[in-house]
PDB file of N, CA and C in Angstrom:
ATOM      1  N   MET A   1      -0.700  21.611 -22.860  1.00  0.00           N
ATOM      2  CA  MET A   1       0.017  20.684 -22.019  1.00  0.00           C
ATOM      3  C   MET A   1      -0.319  19.258 -22.456  1.00  0.00           C
ATOM      4  N   ILE A   2       0.684  18.404 -22.556  1.00  0.00           N
ATOM      5  CA  ILE A   2       0.501  17.025 -22.994  1.00  0.00           C
ATOM      6  C   ILE A   2       0.137  16.162 -21.789  1.00  0.00           C
ATOM      7  N   PRO A   3      -0.951  15.380 -21.900  1.00  0.00           N
ATOM      8  CA  PRO A   3      -1.335  14.528 -20.767  1.00  0.00           C
ATOM      9  C   PRO A   3      -0.369  13.364 -20.605  1.00  0.00           C
ATOM     10  N   ASN A   4      -0.271  12.890 -19.403  1.00  0.00           N
ATOM     11  CA  ASN A   4       0.571  11.742 -19.076  1.00  0.00           C
ATOM     12  C   ASN A   4      -0.172  10.470 -19.484  1.00  0.00           C
ATOM     13  N   ARG A   5       0.389   9.697 -20.391  1.00  0.00           N
ATOM     14  CA  ARG A   5      -0.288   8.511 -20.906  1.00  0.00           C
ATOM     15  C   ARG A   5       0.343   7.204 -20.404  1.00  0.00           C
ATOM     16  N   LYS A   6       1.077   7.259 -19.329  1.00  0.00           N
ATOM     17  CA  LYS A   6       1.676   6.048 -18.788  1.00  0.00           C
ATOM     18  C   LYS A   6       0.608   5.219 -18.084  1.00  0.00           C
ATOM     19  N   ASN A   7       0.754   3.913 -18.184  1.00  0.00           N
ATOM     20  CA  ASN A   7      -0.150   3.016 -17.473  1.00  0.00           C
ATOM     21  C   ASN A   7       0.276   2.948 -16.015  1.00  0.00           C
ATOM     22  N   ILE A   8      -0.682   3.140 -15.141  1.00  0.00           N
ATOM     23  CA  ILE A   8      -0.419   3.083 -13.706  1.00  0.00           C
ATOM     24  C   ILE A   8      -1.218   1.914 -13.147  1.00  0.00           C
ATOM     25  N   SER A   9      -0.537   1.033 -12.439  1.00  0.00           N
ATOM     26  CA  SER A   9      -1.237  -0.131 -11.894  1.00  0.00           C
ATOM     27  C   SER A   9      -2.076   0.262 -10.684  1.00  0.00           C
ATOM     28  N   ARG A  10      -3.229  -0.357 -10.605  1.00  0.00           N
ATOM     29  CA  ARG A  10      -4.092  -0.114  -9.448  1.00  0.00           C
ATOM     30  C   ARG A  10      -3.447  -0.647  -8.177  1.00  0.00           C
ATOM     31  N   ASN A  11      -2.769  -1.777  -8.286  1.00  0.00           N
ATOM     32  CA  ASN A  11      -2.119  -2.354  -7.106  1.00  0.00           C
ATOM     33  C   ASN A  11      -1.043  -1.424  -6.553  1.00  0.00           C
ATOM     34  N   GLY A  12      -0.299  -0.789  -7.439  1.00  0.00           N
ATOM     35  CA  GLY A  12       0.720   0.156  -6.986  1.00  0.00           C
ATOM     36  C   GLY A  12       0.118   1.350  -6.284  1.00  0.00           C
ATOM     37  N   MET A  13      -1.001   1.820  -6.790  1.00  0.00           N
ATOM     38  CA  MET A  13      -1.673   2.949  -6.151  1.00  0.00           C
ATOM     39  C   MET A  13      -2.224   2.556  -4.783  1.00  0.00           C
ATOM     40  N   ILE A  14      -2.793   1.358  -4.706  1.00  0.00           N
ATOM     41  CA  ILE A  14      -3.326   0.877  -3.426  1.00  0.00           C
ATOM     42  C   ILE A  14      -2.198   0.714  -2.427  1.00  0.00           C
ATOM     43  N   LEU A  15      -1.067   0.162  -2.860  1.00  0.00           N
ATOM     44  CA  LEU A  15       0.090   0.020  -1.967  1.00  0.00           C
ATOM     45  C   LEU A  15       0.561   1.384  -1.462  1.00  0.00           C
ATOM     46  N   SER A  16       0.604   2.357  -2.339  1.00  0.00           N
ATOM     47  CA  SER A  16       1.034   3.698  -1.943  1.00  0.00           C
ATOM     48  C   SER A  16       0.109   4.295  -0.889  1.00  0.00           C
ATOM     49  N   VAL A  17      -1.180   4.139  -1.090  1.00  0.00           N
ATOM     50  CA  VAL A  17      -2.144   4.675  -0.128  1.00  0.00           C
ATOM     51  C   VAL A  17      -2.009   3.973   1.218  1.00  0.00           C
ATOM     52  N   ILE A  18      -1.865   2.653   1.205  1.00  0.00           N
ATOM     53  CA  ILE A  18      -1.729   1.908   2.462  1.00  0.00           C
ATOM     54  C   ILE A  18      -0.445   2.295   3.185  1.00  0.00           C
ATOM     55  N   VAL A  19       0.644   2.491   2.447  1.00  0.00           N
ATOM     56  CA  VAL A  19       1.906   2.914   3.065  1.00  0.00           C
ATOM     57  C   VAL A  19       1.734   4.295   3.703  1.00  0.00           C
ATOM     58  N   LEU A  20       1.074   5.205   3.011  1.00  0.00           N
ATOM     59  CA  LEU A  20       0.847   6.538   3.580  1.00  0.00           C
ATOM     60  C   LEU A  20      -0.028   6.476   4.828  1.00  0.00           C
ATOM     61  N   ILE A  21      -1.065   5.657   4.793  1.00  0.00           N
ATOM     62  CA  ILE A  21      -1.931   5.511   5.969  1.00  0.00           C
ATOM     63  C   ILE A  21      -1.139   4.954   7.145  1.00  0.00           C
ATOM     64  N   ASN A  22      -0.313   3.928   6.896  1.00  0.00           N
ATOM     65  CA  ASN A  22       0.511   3.367   7.975  1.00  0.00           C
ATOM     66  C   ASN A  22       1.486   4.402   8.522  1.00  0.00           C
ATOM     67  N   ALA A  23       2.068   5.201   7.662  1.00  0.00           N
ATOM     68  CA  ALA A  23       3.012   6.229   8.116  1.00  0.00           C
ATOM     69  C   ALA A  23       2.309   7.271   8.981  1.00  0.00           C
ATOM     70  N   VAL A  24       1.126   7.670   8.584  1.00  0.00           N
ATOM     71  CA  VAL A  24       0.380   8.658   9.375  1.00  0.00           C
ATOM     72  C   VAL A  24      -0.005   8.074  10.727  1.00  0.00           C
ATOM     73  N   ILE A  25      -0.449   6.817  10.736  1.00  0.00           N
ATOM     74  CA  ILE A  25      -0.815   6.173  12.001  1.00  0.00           C
ATOM     75  C   ILE A  25       0.401   6.070  12.917  1.00  0.00           C
ATOM     76  N   LEU A  26       1.538   5.625  12.377  1.00  0.00           N
ATOM     77  CA  LEU A  26       2.743   5.495  13.198  1.00  0.00           C
ATOM     78  C   LEU A  26       3.202   6.846  13.744  1.00  0.00           C
ATOM     79  N   GLU A  27       3.184   7.861  12.894  1.00  0.00           N
ATOM     80  CA  GLU A  27       3.610   9.194  13.338  1.00  0.00           C
ATOM     81  C   GLU A  27       2.684   9.717  14.430  1.00  0.00           C
ATOM     82  N   HIS A  28       1.394   9.563  14.238  1.00  0.00           N
ATOM     83  CA  HIS A  28       0.427  10.053  15.214  1.00  0.00           C
ATOM     84  C   HIS A  28       0.550   9.276  16.532  1.00  0.00           C
ATOM     85  N   ALA A  29       0.696   7.961  16.434  1.00  0.00           N
ATOM     86  CA  ALA A  29       0.810   7.138  17.643  1.00  0.00           C
ATOM     87  C   ALA A  29       2.104   7.417  18.387  1.00  0.00           C
ATOM     88  N   PHE A  30       3.175   7.674  17.670  1.00  0.00           N
ATOM     89  CA  PHE A  30       4.467   7.910  18.311  1.00  0.00           C
ATOM     90  C   PHE A  30       4.536   9.287  18.958  1.00  0.00           C
ATOM     91  N   THR A  31       3.940  10.296  18.332  1.00  0.00           N
ATOM     92  CA  THR A  31       4.112  11.653  18.828  1.00  0.00           C
ATOM     93  C   THR A  31       2.952  12.168  19.669  1.00  0.00           C
ATOM     94  N   ILE A  32       1.723  11.744  19.385  1.00  0.00           N
ATOM     95  CA  ILE A  32       0.572  12.369  20.049  1.00  0.00           C
ATOM     96  C   ILE A  32      -0.132  11.424  21.018  1.00  0.00           C
ATOM     97  N   ASN A  33      -0.602  10.289  20.503  1.00  0.00           N
ATOM     98  CA  ASN A  33      -1.424   9.417  21.331  1.00  0.00           C
ATOM     99  C   ASN A  33      -1.108   7.963  20.998  1.00  0.00           C
ATOM    100  N   GLU A  34      -0.584   7.226  21.962  1.00  0.00           N
ATOM    101  CA  GLU A  34      -0.175   5.842  21.701  1.00  0.00           C
ATOM    102  C   GLU A  34      -1.347   4.897  21.512  1.00  0.00           C
ATOM    103  N   ARG A  35      -2.557   5.336  21.719  1.00  0.00           N
ATOM    104  CA  ARG A  35      -3.724   4.477  21.492  1.00  0.00           C
ATOM    105  C   ARG A  35      -3.942   4.188  20.009  1.00  0.00           C
ATOM    106  N   TRP A  36      -3.282   4.909  19.132  1.00  0.00           N
ATOM    107  CA  TRP A  36      -3.459   4.712  17.694  1.00  0.00           C
ATOM    108  C   TRP A  36      -2.726   3.477  17.182  1.00  0.00           C
ATOM    109  N   TYR A  37      -1.879   2.865  17.999  1.00  0.00           N
ATOM    110  CA  TYR A  37      -1.189   1.659  17.539  1.00  0.00           C
ATOM    111  C   TYR A  37      -2.164   0.530  17.209  1.00  0.00           C
ATOM    112  N   TRP A  38      -3.334   0.519  17.831  1.00  0.00           N
ATOM    113  CA  TRP A  38      -4.318  -0.523  17.545  1.00  0.00           C
ATOM    114  C   TRP A  38      -4.770  -0.486  16.090  1.00  0.00           C
ATOM    115  N   ALA A  39      -4.727   0.651  15.447  1.00  0.00           N
ATOM    116  CA  ALA A  39      -5.153   0.754  14.052  1.00  0.00           C
ATOM    117  C   ALA A  39      -4.239  -0.052  13.124  1.00  0.00           C
ATOM    118  N   LEU A  40      -3.010  -0.281  13.548  1.00  0.00           N
ATOM    119  CA  LEU A  40      -2.090  -1.078  12.734  1.00  0.00           C
ATOM    120  C   LEU A  40      -2.533  -2.532  12.633  1.00  0.00           C
ATOM    121  N   ILE A  41      -3.381  -2.968  13.564  1.00  0.00           N
ATOM    122  CA  ILE A  41      -3.917  -4.329  13.501  1.00  0.00           C
ATOM    123  C   ILE A  41      -4.705  -4.517  12.204  1.00  0.00           C
ATOM    124  N   PHE A  42      -5.316  -3.443  11.720  1.00  0.00           N
ATOM    125  CA  PHE A  42      -6.097  -3.530  10.486  1.00  0.00           C
ATOM    126  C   PHE A  42      -5.284  -3.190   9.246  1.00  0.00           C
ATOM    127  N   THR A  43      -4.384  -2.230   9.361  1.00  0.00           N
ATOM    128  CA  THR A  43      -3.698  -1.755   8.165  1.00  0.00           C
ATOM    129  C   THR A  43      -2.485  -2.606   7.776  1.00  0.00           C
ATOM    130  N   LEU A  44      -1.793  -3.187   8.724  1.00  0.00           N
ATOM    131  CA  LEU A  44      -0.637  -4.018   8.378  1.00  0.00           C
ATOM    132  C   LEU A  44      -1.030  -5.297   7.626  1.00  0.00           C
ATOM    133  N   PRO A  45      -2.104  -6.002   8.017  1.00  0.00           N
ATOM    134  CA  PRO A  45      -2.526  -7.145   7.190  1.00  0.00           C
ATOM    135  C   PRO A  45      -2.983  -6.717   5.792  1.00  0.00           C
ATOM    136  N   LEU A  46      -3.612  -5.542   5.677  1.00  0.00           N
ATOM    137  CA  LEU A  46      -3.973  -5.039   4.353  1.00  0.00           C
ATOM    138  C   LEU A  46      -2.732  -4.802   3.509  1.00  0.00           C
ATOM    139  N   PHE A  47      -1.703  -4.239   4.129  1.00  0.00           N
ATOM    140  CA  PHE A  47      -0.450  -3.993   3.434  1.00  0.00           C
ATOM    141  C   PHE A  47       0.192  -5.307   2.990  1.00  0.00           C
ATOM    142  N   ALA A  48       0.209  -6.282   3.882  1.00  0.00           N
ATOM    143  CA  ALA A  48       0.812  -7.576   3.553  1.00  0.00           C
ATOM    144  C   ALA A  48       0.042  -8.255   2.410  1.00  0.00           C
ATOM    145  N   ALA A  49      -1.275  -8.184   2.452  1.00  0.00           N
ATOM    146  CA  ALA A  49      -2.074  -8.785   1.387  1.00  0.00           C
ATOM    147  C   ALA A  49      -1.844  -8.073   0.058  1.00  0.00           C
ATOM    148  N   ALA A  50      -1.745  -6.761   0.082  1.00  0.00           N
ATOM    149  CA  ALA A  50      -1.519  -6.002  -1.152  1.00  0.00           C
ATOM    150  C   ALA A  50      -0.157  -6.341  -1.753  1.00  0.00           C
ATOM    151  N   VAL A  51       0.865  -6.467  -0.923  1.00  0.00           N
ATOM    152  CA  VAL A  51       2.192  -6.842  -1.412  1.00  0.00           C
ATOM    153  C   VAL A  51       2.161  -8.255  -1.993  1.00  0.00           C
ATOM    154  N   PHE A  52       1.495  -9.162  -1.296  1.00  0.00           N
ATOM    155  CA  PHE A  52       1.405 -10.540  -1.761  1.00  0.00           C
ATOM    156  C   PHE A  52       0.702 -10.619  -3.116  1.00  0.00           C
ATOM    157  N   PHE A  53      -0.436  -9.945  -3.259  1.00  0.00           N
ATOM    158  CA  PHE A  53      -1.169  -9.981  -4.526  1.00  0.00           C
ATOM    159  C   PHE A  53      -0.409  -9.276  -5.633  1.00  0.00           C
ATOM    160  N   ASN A  54       0.336  -8.230  -5.281  1.00  0.00           N
ATOM    161  CA  ASN A  54       1.130  -7.529  -6.286  1.00  0.00           C
ATOM    162  C   ASN A  54       2.254  -8.432  -6.805  1.00  0.00           C
ATOM    163  N   LYS A  55       2.903  -9.181  -5.926  1.00  0.00           N
ATOM    164  CA  LYS A  55       3.957 -10.109  -6.350  1.00  0.00           C
ATOM    165  C   LYS A  55       3.383 -11.209  -7.232  1.00  0.00           C
ATOM    166  N   ASN A  56       2.233 -11.760  -6.833  1.00  0.00           N
ATOM    167  CA  ASN A  56       1.627 -12.824  -7.624  1.00  0.00           C
ATOM    168  C   ASN A  56       1.188 -12.323  -8.987  1.00  0.00           C
ATOM    169  N   LYS A  57       0.674 -11.127  -9.055  1.00  0.00           N
ATOM    170  CA  LYS A  57       0.240 -10.580 -10.329  1.00  0.00           C
ATOM    171  C   LYS A  57       1.436 -10.387 -11.260  1.00  0.00           C
ATOM    172  N   ARG A  58       2.554  -9.918 -10.734  1.00  0.00           N
ATOM    173  CA  ARG A  58       3.743  -9.737 -11.559  1.00  0.00           C
ATOM    174  C   ARG A  58       4.255 -11.066 -12.085  1.00  0.00           C
ATOM    175  N   LYS A  59       4.212 -12.130 -11.271  1.00  0.00           N
ATOM    176  CA  LYS A  59       4.657 -13.441 -11.712  1.00  0.00           C
ATOM    177  C   LYS A  59       3.783 -13.949 -12.849  1.00  0.00           C
ATOM    178  N   ILE A  60       2.463 -13.769 -12.711  1.00  0.00           N
ATOM    179  CA  ILE A  60       1.532 -14.229 -13.739  1.00  0.00           C
ATOM    180  C   ILE A  60       1.753 -13.463 -15.033  1.00  0.00           C
ATOM    181  N   LEU A  61       1.923 -12.142 -14.935  1.00  0.00           N
ATOM    182  CA  LEU A  61       2.132 -11.340 -16.125  1.00  0.00           C
ATOM    183  C   LEU A  61       3.451 -11.674 -16.825  1.00  0.00           C
ATOM    184  N   SER A  62       4.499 -11.950 -16.062  1.00  0.00           N
ATOM    185  CA  SER A  62       5.787 -12.264 -16.678  1.00  0.00           C
ATOM    186  C   SER A  62       5.756 -13.619 -17.364  1.00  0.00           C
ATOM    187  N   ARG A  63       4.940 -14.542 -16.882  1.00  0.00           N
ATOM    188  CA  ARG A  63       4.830 -15.863 -17.516  1.00  0.00           C
ATOM    189  C   ARG A  63       4.051 -15.774 -18.834  1.00  0.00           C
ATOM    190  N   SER A  64       3.064 -14.888 -18.896  1.00  0.00           N
ATOM    191  CA  SER A  64       2.229 -14.827 -20.091  1.00  0.00           C
ATOM    192  C   SER A  64       2.868 -14.048 -21.241  1.00  0.00           C
ATOM    193  N   VAL A  65       3.937 -13.314 -20.950  1.00  0.00           N
ATOM    194  CA  VAL A  65       4.564 -12.507 -22.019  1.00  0.00           C
ATOM    195  C   VAL A  65       5.572 -13.289 -22.785  1.00  0.00           C
TER     196      VAL A  65
END
């Protein structure tokens, strides 16, 4: 089997994990226990920061090429 040699950005992986965590929190809070909405206070700013840094990194990389 041939290994996958594509470059994967760490920022993209972090964004994916944060999106999954937010989805699990929202699903759990909506269906089981509404007390879980407080967890979004921590995860939504993390998501916003990750998106912001990902956009800035892409701008810097596109300028240097």
